[in-house]
Amino acid sequence: MAAKTKSELRKARRARIRRKISGTGERPRFSVFRSARYLYVQVIDDMTGRTICTASSLEPDLKKGLKSCRSIEAAKEVGKLIASRAKEKKVEKVVFDRSGYIYHGRVKALAEGAREAGLNF
């Protein structure tokens, strides 16, 4: 039996987390995807299967003010951006889905930025 790769281990953690949490109308799921270069976030209502709002470090407005899209500062700004968009859609509380990523570095900064901007989770 071959050893599992990092991505296979993350996918197993993600599946384990997703069995336990799902987004509702009152508390949608705050889903994170972290690539090597960018960070993507969605607020999803799993009951209706709709994405309420999205944000990423790839957005031109956000990229202008940052040195790097890979930085912790960029992640914090994406968190603030998604929180403001969620508040526009009248979403105050969310369930945090870190998608199997360790709560550290960019994922942690994203969550802290969203909390600072007024999102509760």
PDB file of N, CA and C in Angstrom:
ATOM      1  N   MET A   1       0.842  -1.179   0.000  1.00  0.00           N
ATOM      2  CA  MET A   1       0.000   0.000   0.000  1.00  0.00           C
ATOM      3  C   MET A   1       0.887   1.242   0.000  1.00  0.00           C
ATOM      4  N   ALA A   2       0.622   2.140  -0.920  1.00  0.00           N
ATOM      5  CA  ALA A   2       1.426   3.360  -1.046  1.00  0.00           C
ATOM      6  C   ALA A   2       0.993   4.394  -0.016  1.00  0.00           C
ATOM      7  N   ALA A   3       1.922   5.236   0.362  1.00  0.00           N
ATOM      8  CA  ALA A   3       1.619   6.306   1.312  1.00  0.00           C
ATOM      9  C   ALA A   3       0.729   7.343   0.632  1.00  0.00           C
ATOM     10  N   LYS A   4      -0.147   7.947   1.415  1.00  0.00           N
ATOM     11  CA  LYS A   4      -1.052   8.952   0.870  1.00  0.00           C
ATOM     12  C   LYS A   4      -0.319  10.280   0.715  1.00  0.00           C
ATOM     13  N   THR A   5      -0.679  11.008  -0.325  1.00  0.00           N
ATOM     14  CA  THR A   5      -0.076  12.307  -0.574  1.00  0.00           C
ATOM     15  C   THR A   5      -0.737  13.354   0.333  1.00  0.00           C
ATOM     16  N   LYS A   6      -0.131  14.541   0.364  1.00  0.00           N
ATOM     17  CA  LYS A   6      -0.683  15.635   1.163  1.00  0.00           C
ATOM     18  C   LYS A   6      -2.098  15.992   0.720  1.00  0.00           C
ATOM     19  N   SER A   7      -2.298  16.020  -0.595  1.00  0.00           N
ATOM     20  CA  SER A   7      -3.623  16.398  -1.103  1.00  0.00           C
ATOM     21  C   SER A   7      -4.671  15.332  -0.769  1.00  0.00           C
ATOM     22  N   GLU A   8      -4.285  14.053  -0.794  1.00  0.00           N
ATOM     23  CA  GLU A   8      -5.226  12.984  -0.415  1.00  0.00           C
ATOM     24  C   GLU A   8      -5.592  13.080   1.060  1.00  0.00           C
ATOM     25  N   LEU A   9      -4.622  13.401   1.905  1.00  0.00           N
ATOM     26  CA  LEU A   9      -4.898  13.561   3.333  1.00  0.00           C
ATOM     27  C   LEU A   9      -5.822  14.754   3.576  1.00  0.00           C
ATOM     28  N   ARG A  10      -5.602  15.852   2.840  1.00  0.00           N
ATOM     29  CA  ARG A  10      -6.463  17.031   2.975  1.00  0.00           C
ATOM     30  C   ARG A  10      -7.880  16.710   2.524  1.00  0.00           C
ATOM     31  N   LYS A  11      -8.022  15.968   1.441  1.00  0.00           N
ATOM     32  CA  LYS A  11      -9.351  15.596   0.950  1.00  0.00           C
ATOM     33  C   LYS A  11     -10.092  14.721   1.958  1.00  0.00           C
ATOM     34  N   ALA A  12      -9.366  13.859   2.656  1.00  0.00           N
ATOM     35  CA  ALA A  12      -9.991  13.031   3.690  1.00  0.00           C
ATOM     36  C   ALA A  12     -10.453  13.901   4.859  1.00  0.00           C
ATOM     37  N   ARG A  13      -9.619  14.863   5.275  1.00  0.00           N
ATOM     38  CA  ARG A  13     -10.024  15.793   6.340  1.00  0.00           C
ATOM     39  C   ARG A  13     -11.231  16.603   5.906  1.00  0.00           C
ATOM     40  N   ARG A  14     -11.232  17.038   4.644  1.00  0.00           N
ATOM     41  CA  ARG A  14     -12.338  17.841   4.116  1.00  0.00           C
ATOM     42  C   ARG A  14     -13.647  17.045   4.164  1.00  0.00           C
ATOM     43  N   ALA A  15     -13.596  15.785   3.755  1.00  0.00           N
ATOM     44  CA  ALA A  15     -14.793  14.943   3.767  1.00  0.00           C
ATOM     45  C   ALA A  15     -15.296  14.738   5.196  1.00  0.00           C
ATOM     46  N   ARG A  16     -14.390  14.552   6.122  1.00  0.00           N
ATOM     47  CA  ARG A  16     -14.757  14.361   7.533  1.00  0.00           C
ATOM     48  C   ARG A  16     -15.436  15.615   8.086  1.00  0.00           C
ATOM     49  N   ILE A  17     -14.915  16.780   7.735  1.00  0.00           N
ATOM     50  CA  ILE A  17     -15.493  18.044   8.187  1.00  0.00           C
ATOM     51  C   ILE A  17     -16.867  18.252   7.558  1.00  0.00           C
ATOM     52  N   ARG A  18     -16.998  17.982   6.250  1.00  0.00           N
ATOM     53  CA  ARG A  18     -18.247  18.238   5.538  1.00  0.00           C
ATOM     54  C   ARG A  18     -19.377  17.318   5.990  1.00  0.00           C
ATOM     55  N   ARG A  19     -19.046  16.146   6.550  1.00  0.00           N
ATOM     56  CA  ARG A  19     -20.091  15.283   7.095  1.00  0.00           C
ATOM     57  C   ARG A  19     -20.771  15.929   8.287  1.00  0.00           C
ATOM     58  N   LYS A  20     -20.023  16.757   9.008  1.00  0.00           N
ATOM     59  CA  LYS A  20     -20.519  17.339  10.250  1.00  0.00           C
ATOM     60  C   LYS A  20     -21.165  18.699  10.066  1.00  0.00           C
ATOM     61  N   ILE A  21     -20.744  19.477   9.066  1.00  0.00           N
ATOM     62  CA  ILE A  21     -21.285  20.834   8.916  1.00  0.00           C
ATOM     63  C   ILE A  21     -21.960  21.014   7.567  1.00  0.00           C
ATOM     64  N   SER A  22     -22.976  21.863   7.547  1.00  0.00           N
ATOM     65  CA  SER A  22     -23.587  22.289   6.297  1.00  0.00           C
ATOM     66  C   SER A  22     -24.202  23.658   6.529  1.00  0.00           C
ATOM     67  N   GLY A  23     -24.323  24.423   5.469  1.00  0.00           N
ATOM     68  CA  GLY A  23     -24.846  25.773   5.572  1.00  0.00           C
ATOM     69  C   GLY A  23     -26.361  25.792   5.458  1.00  0.00           C
ATOM     70  N   THR A  24     -26.996  26.625   6.257  1.00  0.00           N
ATOM     71  CA  THR A  24     -28.436  26.804   6.185  1.00  0.00           C
ATOM     72  C   THR A  24     -28.726  28.241   5.757  1.00  0.00           C
ATOM     73  N   GLY A  25     -29.990  28.588   5.664  1.00  0.00           N
ATOM     74  CA  GLY A  25     -30.352  29.950   5.317  1.00  0.00           C
ATOM     75  C   GLY A  25     -29.919  30.938   6.379  1.00  0.00           C
ATOM     76  N   GLU A  26     -30.046  30.552   7.657  1.00  0.00           N
ATOM     77  CA  GLU A  26     -29.662  31.445   8.761  1.00  0.00           C
ATOM     78  C   GLU A  26     -28.149  31.485   8.955  1.00  0.00           C
ATOM     79  N   ARG A  27     -27.495  30.322   8.813  1.00  0.00           N
ATOM     80  CA  ARG A  27     -26.034  30.239   8.980  1.00  0.00           C
ATOM     81  C   ARG A  27     -25.417  29.533   7.780  1.00  0.00           C
ATOM     82  N   PRO A  28     -25.128  30.285   6.710  1.00  0.00           N
ATOM     83  CA  PRO A  28     -24.512  29.662   5.538  1.00  0.00           C
ATOM     84  C   PRO A  28     -23.076  29.215   5.821  1.00  0.00           C
ATOM     85  N   ARG A  29     -22.562  28.388   4.927  1.00  0.00           N
ATOM     86  CA  ARG A  29     -21.207  27.854   5.075  1.00  0.00           C
ATOM     87  C   ARG A  29     -20.206  28.817   4.454  1.00  0.00           C
ATOM     88  N   PHE A  30     -19.157  29.127   5.205  1.00  0.00           N
ATOM     89  CA  PHE A  30     -18.062  30.020   4.783  1.00  0.00           C
ATOM     90  C   PHE A  30     -16.942  29.104   4.313  1.00  0.00           C
ATOM     91  N   SER A  31     -16.882  28.835   3.014  1.00  0.00           N
ATOM     92  CA  SER A  31     -15.976  27.840   2.465  1.00  0.00           C
ATOM     93  C   SER A  31     -14.711  28.474   1.905  1.00  0.00           C
ATOM     94  N   VAL A  32     -13.555  27.877   2.219  1.00  0.00           N
ATOM     95  CA  VAL A  32     -12.242  28.398   1.839  1.00  0.00           C
ATOM     96  C   VAL A  32     -11.572  27.440   0.859  1.00  0.00           C
ATOM     97  N   PHE A  33     -10.957  27.988  -0.196  1.00  0.00           N
ATOM     98  CA  PHE A  33     -10.067  27.215  -1.052  1.00  0.00           C
ATOM     99  C   PHE A  33      -8.766  27.977  -1.166  1.00  0.00           C
ATOM    100  N   ARG A  34      -7.684  27.300  -0.884  1.00  0.00           N
ATOM    101  CA  ARG A  34      -6.371  27.920  -0.890  1.00  0.00           C
ATOM    102  C   ARG A  34      -5.517  27.239  -1.954  1.00  0.00           C
ATOM    103  N   SER A  35      -5.147  27.987  -2.982  1.00  0.00           N
ATOM    104  CA  SER A  35      -4.215  27.449  -3.971  1.00  0.00           C
ATOM    105  C   SER A  35      -2.821  27.936  -3.611  1.00  0.00           C
ATOM    106  N   ALA A  36      -1.858  27.564  -4.404  1.00  0.00           N
ATOM    107  CA  ALA A  36      -0.487  28.004  -4.124  1.00  0.00           C
ATOM    108  C   ALA A  36      -0.357  29.512  -4.281  1.00  0.00           C
ATOM    109  N   ARG A  37      -1.156  30.103  -5.156  1.00  0.00           N
ATOM    110  CA  ARG A  37      -1.025  31.518  -5.454  1.00  0.00           C
ATOM    111  C   ARG A  37      -2.153  32.378  -4.887  1.00  0.00           C
ATOM    112  N   TYR A  38      -3.386  31.893  -4.927  1.00  0.00           N
ATOM    113  CA  TYR A  38      -4.530  32.716  -4.549  1.00  0.00           C
ATOM    114  C   TYR A  38      -5.359  32.071  -3.442  1.00  0.00           C
ATOM    115  N   LEU A  39      -6.299  32.853  -2.940  1.00  0.00           N
ATOM    116  CA  LEU A  39      -7.209  32.410  -1.891  1.00  0.00           C
ATOM    117  C   LEU A  39      -8.620  32.730  -2.356  1.00  0.00           C
ATOM    118  N   TYR A  40      -9.519  31.760  -2.289  1.00  0.00           N
ATOM    119  CA  TYR A  40     -10.894  31.937  -2.737  1.00  0.00           C
ATOM    120  C   TYR A  40     -11.835  31.623  -1.578  1.00  0.00           C
ATOM    121  N   VAL A  41     -12.906  32.409  -1.452  1.00  0.00           N
ATOM    122  CA  VAL A  41     -13.874  32.206  -0.376  1.00  0.00           C
ATOM    123  C   VAL A  41     -15.275  32.313  -0.952  1.00  0.00           C
ATOM    124  N   GLN A  42     -16.176  31.457  -0.454  1.00  0.00           N
ATOM    125  CA  GLN A  42     -17.582  31.512  -0.834  1.00  0.00           C
ATOM    126  C   GLN A  42     -18.436  31.414   0.411  1.00  0.00           C
ATOM    127  N   VAL A  43     -19.580  32.077   0.384  1.00  0.00           N
ATOM    128  CA  VAL A  43     -20.594  31.908   1.415  1.00  0.00           C
ATOM    129  C   VAL A  43     -21.731  31.170   0.731  1.00  0.00           C
ATOM    130  N   ILE A  44     -22.021  29.932   1.211  1.00  0.00           N
ATOM    131  CA  ILE A  44     -22.914  29.019   0.502  1.00  0.00           C
ATOM    132  C   ILE A  44     -24.077  28.599   1.385  1.00  0.00           C
ATOM    133  N   ASP A  45     -25.278  28.630   0.823  1.00  0.00           N
ATOM    134  CA  ASP A  45     -26.465  28.069   1.477  1.00  0.00           C
ATOM    135  C   ASP A  45     -26.650  26.669   0.900  1.00  0.00           C
ATOM    136  N   ASP A  46     -26.316  25.636   1.678  1.00  0.00           N
ATOM    137  CA  ASP A  46     -26.375  24.265   1.183  1.00  0.00           C
ATOM    138  C   ASP A  46     -27.800  23.739   1.038  1.00  0.00           C
ATOM    139  N   MET A  47     -28.750  24.331   1.747  1.00  0.00           N
ATOM    140  CA  MET A  47     -30.139  23.879   1.653  1.00  0.00           C
ATOM    141  C   MET A  47     -30.718  24.164   0.267  1.00  0.00           C
ATOM    142  N   THR A  48     -30.400  25.320  -0.287  1.00  0.00           N
ATOM    143  CA  THR A  48     -30.897  25.676  -1.616  1.00  0.00           C
ATOM    144  C   THR A  48     -29.852  25.436  -2.701  1.00  0.00           C
ATOM    145  N   GLY A  49     -28.597  25.202  -2.295  1.00  0.00           N
ATOM    146  CA  GLY A  49     -27.528  24.968  -3.259  1.00  0.00           C
ATOM    147  C   GLY A  49     -27.064  26.244  -3.948  1.00  0.00           C
ATOM    148  N   ARG A  50     -27.228  27.380  -3.288  1.00  0.00           N
ATOM    149  CA  ARG A  50     -26.866  28.665  -3.872  1.00  0.00           C
ATOM    150  C   ARG A  50     -25.635  29.257  -3.206  1.00  0.00           C
ATOM    151  N   THR A  51     -24.795  29.883  -4.015  1.00  0.00           N
ATOM    152  CA  THR A  51     -23.679  30.658  -3.496  1.00  0.00           C
ATOM    153  C   THR A  51     -24.181  32.077  -3.276  1.00  0.00           C
ATOM    154  N   ILE A  52     -24.081  32.565  -2.044  1.00  0.00           N
ATOM    155  CA  ILE A  52     -24.593  33.887  -1.695  1.00  0.00           C
ATOM    156  C   ILE A  52     -23.628  34.976  -2.147  1.00  0.00           C
ATOM    157  N   CYS A  53     -22.339  34.817  -1.841  1.00  0.00           N
ATOM    158  CA  CYS A  53     -21.337  35.786  -2.291  1.00  0.00           C
ATOM    159  C   CYS A  53     -19.963  35.124  -2.335  1.00  0.00           C
ATOM    160  N   THR A  54     -19.063  35.747  -3.081  1.00  0.00           N
ATOM    161  CA  THR A  54     -17.707  35.221  -3.235  1.00  0.00           C
ATOM    162  C   THR A  54     -16.691  36.352  -3.128  1.00  0.00           C
ATOM    163  N   ALA A  55     -15.447  35.971  -2.876  1.00  0.00           N
ATOM    164  CA  ALA A  55     -14.326  36.910  -2.901  1.00  0.00           C
ATOM    165  C   ALA A  55     -13.050  36.096  -3.112  1.00  0.00           C
ATOM    166  N   SER A  56     -12.042  36.741  -3.669  1.00  0.00           N
ATOM    167  CA  SER A  56     -10.755  36.063  -3.834  1.00  0.00           C
ATOM    168  C   SER A  56      -9.638  37.088  -3.862  1.00  0.00           C
ATOM    169  N   SER A  57      -8.426  36.592  -3.695  1.00  0.00           N
ATOM    170  CA  SER A  57      -7.261  37.476  -3.756  1.00  0.00           C
ATOM    171  C   SER A  57      -6.895  37.788  -5.198  1.00  0.00           C
ATOM    172  N   LEU A  58      -7.634  37.256  -6.137  1.00  0.00           N
ATOM    173  CA  LEU A  58      -7.405  37.465  -7.564  1.00  0.00           C
ATOM    174  C   LEU A  58      -8.080  38.735  -8.082  1.00  0.00           C
ATOM    175  N   GLU A  59      -8.964  39.324  -7.289  1.00  0.00           N
ATOM    176  CA  GLU A  59      -9.739  40.479  -7.734  1.00  0.00           C
ATOM    177  C   GLU A  59      -8.849  41.697  -7.964  1.00  0.00           C
ATOM    178  N   PRO A  60      -9.065  42.411  -9.073  1.00  0.00           N
ATOM    179  CA  PRO A  60      -8.194  43.541  -9.438  1.00  0.00           C
ATOM    180  C   PRO A  60      -8.147  44.647  -8.387  1.00  0.00           C
ATOM    181  N   ASP A  61      -9.282  44.984  -7.773  1.00  0.00           N
ATOM    182  CA  ASP A  61      -9.302  46.043  -6.761  1.00  0.00           C
ATOM    183  C   ASP A  61      -8.416  45.689  -5.577  1.00  0.00           C
ATOM    184  N   LEU A  62      -8.423  44.418  -5.212  1.00  0.00           N
ATOM    185  CA  LEU A  62      -7.641  43.957  -4.069  1.00  0.00           C
ATOM    186  C   LEU A  62      -6.161  43.842  -4.421  1.00  0.00           C
ATOM    187  N   LYS A  63      -5.866  43.386  -5.641  1.00  0.00           N
ATOM    188  CA  LYS A  63      -4.483  43.180  -6.066  1.00  0.00           C
ATOM    189  C   LYS A  63      -3.693  44.484  -6.157  1.00  0.00           C
ATOM    190  N   LYS A  64      -4.381  45.599  -6.449  1.00  0.00           N
ATOM    191  CA  LYS A  64      -3.690  46.879  -6.620  1.00  0.00           C
ATOM    192  C   LYS A  64      -2.957  47.320  -5.354  1.00  0.00           C
ATOM    193  N   GLY A  65      -3.596  47.142  -4.200  1.00  0.00           N
ATOM    194  CA  GLY A  65      -3.021  47.641  -2.955  1.00  0.00           C
ATOM    195  C   GLY A  65      -2.086  46.686  -2.248  1.00  0.00           C
ATOM    196  N   LEU A  66      -1.804  45.534  -2.831  1.00  0.00           N
ATOM    197  CA  LEU A  66      -0.987  44.525  -2.159  1.00  0.00           C
ATOM    198  C   LEU A  66       0.294  44.235  -2.926  1.00  0.00           C
ATOM    199  N   LYS A  67       1.338  43.893  -2.182  1.00  0.00           N
ATOM    200  CA  LYS A  67       2.587  43.472  -2.818  1.00  0.00           C
ATOM    201  C   LYS A  67       2.420  42.090  -3.434  1.00  0.00           C
ATOM    202  N   SER A  68       1.799  41.181  -2.657  1.00  0.00           N
ATOM    203  CA  SER A  68       1.664  39.795  -3.084  1.00  0.00           C
ATOM    204  C   SER A  68       0.279  39.275  -2.754  1.00  0.00           C
ATOM    205  N   CYS A  69      -0.259  38.450  -3.617  1.00  0.00           N
ATOM    206  CA  CYS A  69      -1.559  37.826  -3.371  1.00  0.00           C
ATOM    207  C   CYS A  69      -1.419  36.622  -2.453  1.00  0.00           C
ATOM    208  N   ARG A  70      -0.203  36.192  -2.199  1.00  0.00           N
ATOM    209  CA  ARG A  70       0.055  35.011  -1.384  1.00  0.00           C
ATOM    210  C   ARG A  70       0.233  35.331   0.089  1.00  0.00           C
ATOM    211  N   SER A  71       0.234  36.606   0.432  1.00  0.00           N
ATOM    212  CA  SER A  71       0.596  37.006   1.782  1.00  0.00           C
ATOM    213  C   SER A  71      -0.561  36.894   2.772  1.00  0.00           C
ATOM    214  N   ILE A  72      -0.220  36.946   4.042  1.00  0.00           N
ATOM    215  CA  ILE A  72      -1.199  36.941   5.118  1.00  0.00           C
ATOM    216  C   ILE A  72      -2.016  38.228   5.077  1.00  0.00           C
ATOM    217  N   GLU A  73      -1.392  39.329   4.689  1.00  0.00           N
ATOM    218  CA  GLU A  73      -2.121  40.596   4.575  1.00  0.00           C
ATOM    219  C   GLU A  73      -3.215  40.491   3.516  1.00  0.00           C
ATOM    220  N   ALA A  74      -2.905  39.821   2.397  1.00  0.00           N
ATOM    221  CA  ALA A  74      -3.898  39.632   1.335  1.00  0.00           C
ATOM    222  C   ALA A  74      -5.062  38.794   1.849  1.00  0.00           C
ATOM    223  N   ALA A  75      -4.753  37.761   2.628  1.00  0.00           N
ATOM    224  CA  ALA A  75      -5.798  36.898   3.182  1.00  0.00           C
ATOM    225  C   ALA A  75      -6.709  37.688   4.126  1.00  0.00           C
ATOM    226  N   LYS A  76      -6.122  38.552   4.922  1.00  0.00           N
ATOM    227  CA  LYS A  76      -6.908  39.372   5.845  1.00  0.00           C
ATOM    228  C   LYS A  76      -7.833  40.318   5.073  1.00  0.00           C
ATOM    229  N   GLU A  77      -7.331  40.896   3.994  1.00  0.00           N
ATOM    230  CA  GLU A  77      -8.151  41.797   3.165  1.00  0.00           C
ATOM    231  C   GLU A  77      -9.287  41.039   2.480  1.00  0.00           C
ATOM    232  N   VAL A  78      -9.027  39.814   2.032  1.00  0.00           N
ATOM    233  CA  VAL A  78     -10.081  38.993   1.426  1.00  0.00           C
ATOM    234  C   VAL A  78     -11.149  38.693   2.469  1.00  0.00           C
ATOM    235  N   GLY A  79     -10.742  38.429   3.704  1.00  0.00           N
ATOM    236  CA  GLY A  79     -11.700  38.196   4.790  1.00  0.00           C
ATOM    237  C   GLY A  79     -12.584  39.396   5.037  1.00  0.00           C
ATOM    238  N   LYS A  80     -11.992  40.574   5.024  1.00  0.00           N
ATOM    239  CA  LYS A  80     -12.775  41.806   5.216  1.00  0.00           C
ATOM    240  C   LYS A  80     -13.733  42.025   4.051  1.00  0.00           C
ATOM    241  N   LEU A  81     -13.262  41.736   2.844  1.00  0.00           N
ATOM    242  CA  LEU A  81     -14.087  41.914   1.648  1.00  0.00           C
ATOM    243  C   LEU A  81     -15.290  40.972   1.655  1.00  0.00           C
ATOM    244  N   ILE A  82     -15.072  39.689   1.969  1.00  0.00           N
ATOM    245  CA  ILE A  82     -16.187  38.737   1.977  1.00  0.00           C
ATOM    246  C   ILE A  82     -17.167  39.066   3.085  1.00  0.00           C
ATOM    247  N   ALA A  83     -16.675  39.563   4.209  1.00  0.00           N
ATOM    248  CA  ALA A  83     -17.569  39.931   5.310  1.00  0.00           C
ATOM    249  C   ALA A  83     -18.458  41.104   4.911  1.00  0.00           C
ATOM    250  N   SER A  84     -17.891  42.080   4.221  1.00  0.00           N
ATOM    251  CA  SER A  84     -18.707  43.230   3.798  1.00  0.00           C
ATOM    252  C   SER A  84     -19.739  42.812   2.761  1.00  0.00           C
ATOM    253  N   ARG A  85     -19.373  41.907   1.849  1.00  0.00           N
ATOM    254  CA  ARG A  85     -20.332  41.419   0.848  1.00  0.00           C
ATOM    255  C   ARG A  85     -21.427  40.574   1.488  1.00  0.00           C
ATOM    256  N   ALA A  86     -21.062  39.790   2.481  1.00  0.00           N
ATOM    257  CA  ALA A  86     -22.066  38.971   3.180  1.00  0.00           C
ATOM    258  C   ALA A  86     -23.038  39.859   3.951  1.00  0.00           C
ATOM    259  N   LYS A  87     -22.522  40.911   4.574  1.00  0.00           N
ATOM    260  CA  LYS A  87     -23.389  41.838   5.317  1.00  0.00           C
ATOM    261  C   LYS A  87     -24.359  42.561   4.387  1.00  0.00           C
ATOM    262  N   GLU A  88     -23.919  42.860   3.160  1.00  0.00           N
ATOM    263  CA  GLU A  88     -24.809  43.471   2.169  1.00  0.00           C
ATOM    264  C   GLU A  88     -25.979  42.546   1.852  1.00  0.00           C
ATOM    265  N   LYS A  89     -25.727  41.231   1.897  1.00  0.00           N
ATOM    266  CA  LYS A  89     -26.765  40.231   1.631  1.00  0.00           C
ATOM    267  C   LYS A  89     -27.502  39.827   2.908  1.00  0.00           C
ATOM    268  N   LYS A  90     -27.268  40.567   3.990  1.00  0.00           N
ATOM    269  CA  LYS A  90     -27.922  40.371   5.282  1.00  0.00           C
ATOM    270  C   LYS A  90     -27.530  39.047   5.956  1.00  0.00           C
ATOM    271  N   VAL A  91     -26.265  38.656   5.796  1.00  0.00           N
ATOM    272  CA  VAL A  91     -25.727  37.465   6.452  1.00  0.00           C
ATOM    273  C   VAL A  91     -24.795  37.934   7.560  1.00  0.00           C
ATOM    274  N   GLU A  92     -25.115  37.587   8.805  1.00  0.00           N
ATOM    275  CA  GLU A  92     -24.297  37.987   9.954  1.00  0.00           C
ATOM    276  C   GLU A  92     -23.526  36.806  10.542  1.00  0.00           C
ATOM    277  N   LYS A  93     -24.151  35.617  10.526  1.00  0.00           N
ATOM    278  CA  LYS A  93     -23.540  34.429  11.123  1.00  0.00           C
ATOM    279  C   LYS A  93     -23.275  33.388  10.050  1.00  0.00           C
ATOM    280  N   VAL A  94     -22.119  32.745  10.144  1.00  0.00           N
ATOM    281  CA  VAL A  94     -21.749  31.697   9.198  1.00  0.00           C
ATOM    282  C   VAL A  94     -21.126  30.516   9.942  1.00  0.00           C
ATOM    283  N   VAL A  95     -21.019  29.389   9.241  1.00  0.00           N
ATOM    284  CA  VAL A  95     -20.317  28.214   9.743  1.00  0.00           C
ATOM    285  C   VAL A  95     -19.000  28.152   8.972  1.00  0.00           C
ATOM    286  N   PHE A  96     -17.878  28.119   9.668  1.00  0.00           N
ATOM    287  CA  PHE A  96     -16.565  28.153   9.020  1.00  0.00           C
ATOM    288  C   PHE A  96     -16.180  26.776   8.517  1.00  0.00           C
ATOM    289  N   ASP A  97     -15.934  26.667   7.216  1.00  0.00           N
ATOM    290  CA  ASP A  97     -15.488  25.423   6.586  1.00  0.00           C
ATOM    291  C   ASP A  97     -14.092  25.657   6.040  1.00  0.00           C
ATOM    292  N   ARG A  98     -13.097  25.154   6.747  1.00  0.00           N
ATOM    293  CA  ARG A  98     -11.713  25.390   6.337  1.00  0.00           C
ATOM    294  C   ARG A  98     -11.257  24.402   5.267  1.00  0.00           C
ATOM    295  N   SER A  99     -12.131  23.507   4.840  1.00  0.00           N
ATOM    296  CA  SER A  99     -11.890  22.569   3.730  1.00  0.00           C
ATOM    297  C   SER A  99     -10.671  21.681   3.932  1.00  0.00           C
ATOM    298  N   GLY A 100     -10.401  21.304   5.150  1.00  0.00           N
ATOM    299  CA  GLY A 100      -9.290  20.399   5.428  1.00  0.00           C
ATOM    300  C   GLY A 100      -7.957  21.084   5.605  1.00  0.00           C
ATOM    301  N   TYR A 101      -7.892  22.390   5.399  1.00  0.00           N
ATOM    302  CA  TYR A 101      -6.642  23.115   5.609  1.00  0.00           C
ATOM    303  C   TYR A 101      -6.446  23.350   7.101  1.00  0.00           C
ATOM    304  N   ILE A 102      -5.211  23.377   7.531  1.00  0.00           N
ATOM    305  CA  ILE A 102      -4.895  23.626   8.927  1.00  0.00           C
ATOM    306  C   ILE A 102      -5.214  25.083   9.248  1.00  0.00           C
ATOM    307  N   TYR A 103      -5.789  25.340  10.416  1.00  0.00           N
ATOM    308  CA  TYR A 103      -6.136  26.699  10.829  1.00  0.00           C
ATOM    309  C   TYR A 103      -4.854  27.400  11.247  1.00  0.00           C
ATOM    310  N   HIS A 104      -4.143  27.910  10.246  1.00  0.00           N
ATOM    311  CA  HIS A 104      -2.829  28.512  10.460  1.00  0.00           C
ATOM    312  C   HIS A 104      -2.490  29.349   9.236  1.00  0.00           C
ATOM    313  N   GLY A 105      -1.724  30.393   9.402  1.00  0.00           N
ATOM    314  CA  GLY A 105      -1.257  31.181   8.274  1.00  0.00           C
ATOM    315  C   GLY A 105      -2.367  31.932   7.566  1.00  0.00           C
ATOM    316  N   ARG A 106      -2.493  31.698   6.242  1.00  0.00           N
ATOM    317  CA  ARG A 106      -3.459  32.438   5.434  1.00  0.00           C
ATOM    318  C   ARG A 106      -4.903  32.122   5.804  1.00  0.00           C
ATOM    319  N   VAL A 107      -5.189  30.878   6.156  1.00  0.00           N
ATOM    320  CA  VAL A 107      -6.553  30.504   6.539  1.00  0.00           C
ATOM    321  C   VAL A 107      -6.949  31.206   7.837  1.00  0.00           C
ATOM    322  N   LYS A 108      -6.038  31.241   8.787  1.00  0.00           N
ATOM    323  CA  LYS A 108      -6.290  31.927  10.054  1.00  0.00           C
ATOM    324  C   LYS A 108      -6.462  33.428   9.838  1.00  0.00           C
ATOM    325  N   ALA A 109      -5.614  34.031   9.009  1.00  0.00           N
ATOM    326  CA  ALA A 109      -5.699  35.465   8.728  1.00  0.00           C
ATOM    327  C   ALA A 109      -7.010  35.804   8.032  1.00  0.00           C
ATOM    328  N   LEU A 110      -7.460  34.940   7.138  1.00  0.00           N
ATOM    329  CA  LEU A 110      -8.743  35.129   6.459  1.00  0.00           C
ATOM    330  C   LEU A 110      -9.883  35.158   7.465  1.00  0.00           C
ATOM    331  N   ALA A 111      -9.888  34.198   8.382  1.00  0.00           N
ATOM    332  CA  ALA A 111     -10.936  34.123   9.398  1.00  0.00           C
ATOM    333  C   ALA A 111     -10.900  35.344  10.316  1.00  0.00           C
ATOM    334  N   GLU A 112      -9.710  35.765  10.716  1.00  0.00           N
ATOM    335  CA  GLU A 112      -9.591  36.930  11.597  1.00  0.00           C
ATOM    336  C   GLU A 112     -10.054  38.206  10.897  1.00  0.00           C
ATOM    337  N   GLY A 113      -9.745  38.345   9.613  1.00  0.00           N
ATOM    338  CA  GLY A 113     -10.187  39.501   8.846  1.00  0.00           C
ATOM    339  C   GLY A 113     -11.699  39.563   8.739  1.00  0.00           C
ATOM    340  N   ALA A 114     -12.322  38.401   8.524  1.00  0.00           N
ATOM    341  CA  ALA A 114     -13.784  38.347   8.436  1.00  0.00           C
ATOM    342  C   ALA A 114     -14.417  38.669   9.789  1.00  0.00           C
ATOM    343  N   ARG A 115     -13.810  38.189  10.867  1.00  0.00           N
ATOM    344  CA  ARG A 115     -14.328  38.483  12.204  1.00  0.00           C
ATOM    345  C   ARG A 115     -14.205  39.972  12.529  1.00  0.00           C
ATOM    346  N   GLU A 116     -13.074  40.563  12.161  1.00  0.00           N
ATOM    347  CA  GLU A 116     -12.867  41.992  12.392  1.00  0.00           C
ATOM    348  C   GLU A 116     -13.918  42.842  11.677  1.00  0.00           C
ATOM    349  N   ALA A 117     -14.331  42.373  10.492  1.00  0.00           N
ATOM    350  CA  ALA A 117     -15.301  43.120   9.702  1.00  0.00           C
ATOM    351  C   ALA A 117     -16.746  42.844  10.148  1.00  0.00           C
ATOM    352  N   GLY A 118     -16.917  41.996  11.167  1.00  0.00           N
ATOM    353  CA  GLY A 118     -18.233  41.825  11.769  1.00  0.00           C
ATOM    354  C   GLY A 118     -18.962  40.533  11.471  1.00  0.00           C
ATOM    355  N   LEU A 119     -18.303  39.555  10.863  1.00  0.00           N
ATOM    356  CA  LEU A 119     -18.940  38.273  10.597  1.00  0.00           C
ATOM    357  C   LEU A 119     -18.756  37.371  11.805  1.00  0.00           C
ATOM    358  N   ASN A 120     -19.809  36.704  12.252  1.00  0.00           N
ATOM    359  CA  ASN A 120     -19.744  35.843  13.442  1.00  0.00           C
ATOM    360  C   ASN A 120     -19.656  34.387  13.054  1.00  0.00           C
ATOM    361  N   PHE A 121     -18.629  33.702  13.568  1.00  0.00           N
ATOM    362  CA  PHE A 121     -18.511  32.246  13.455  1.00  0.00           C
ATOM    363  C   PHE A 121     -17.574  31.713  14.495  1.00  0.00           C
TER     364      PHE A 121
END
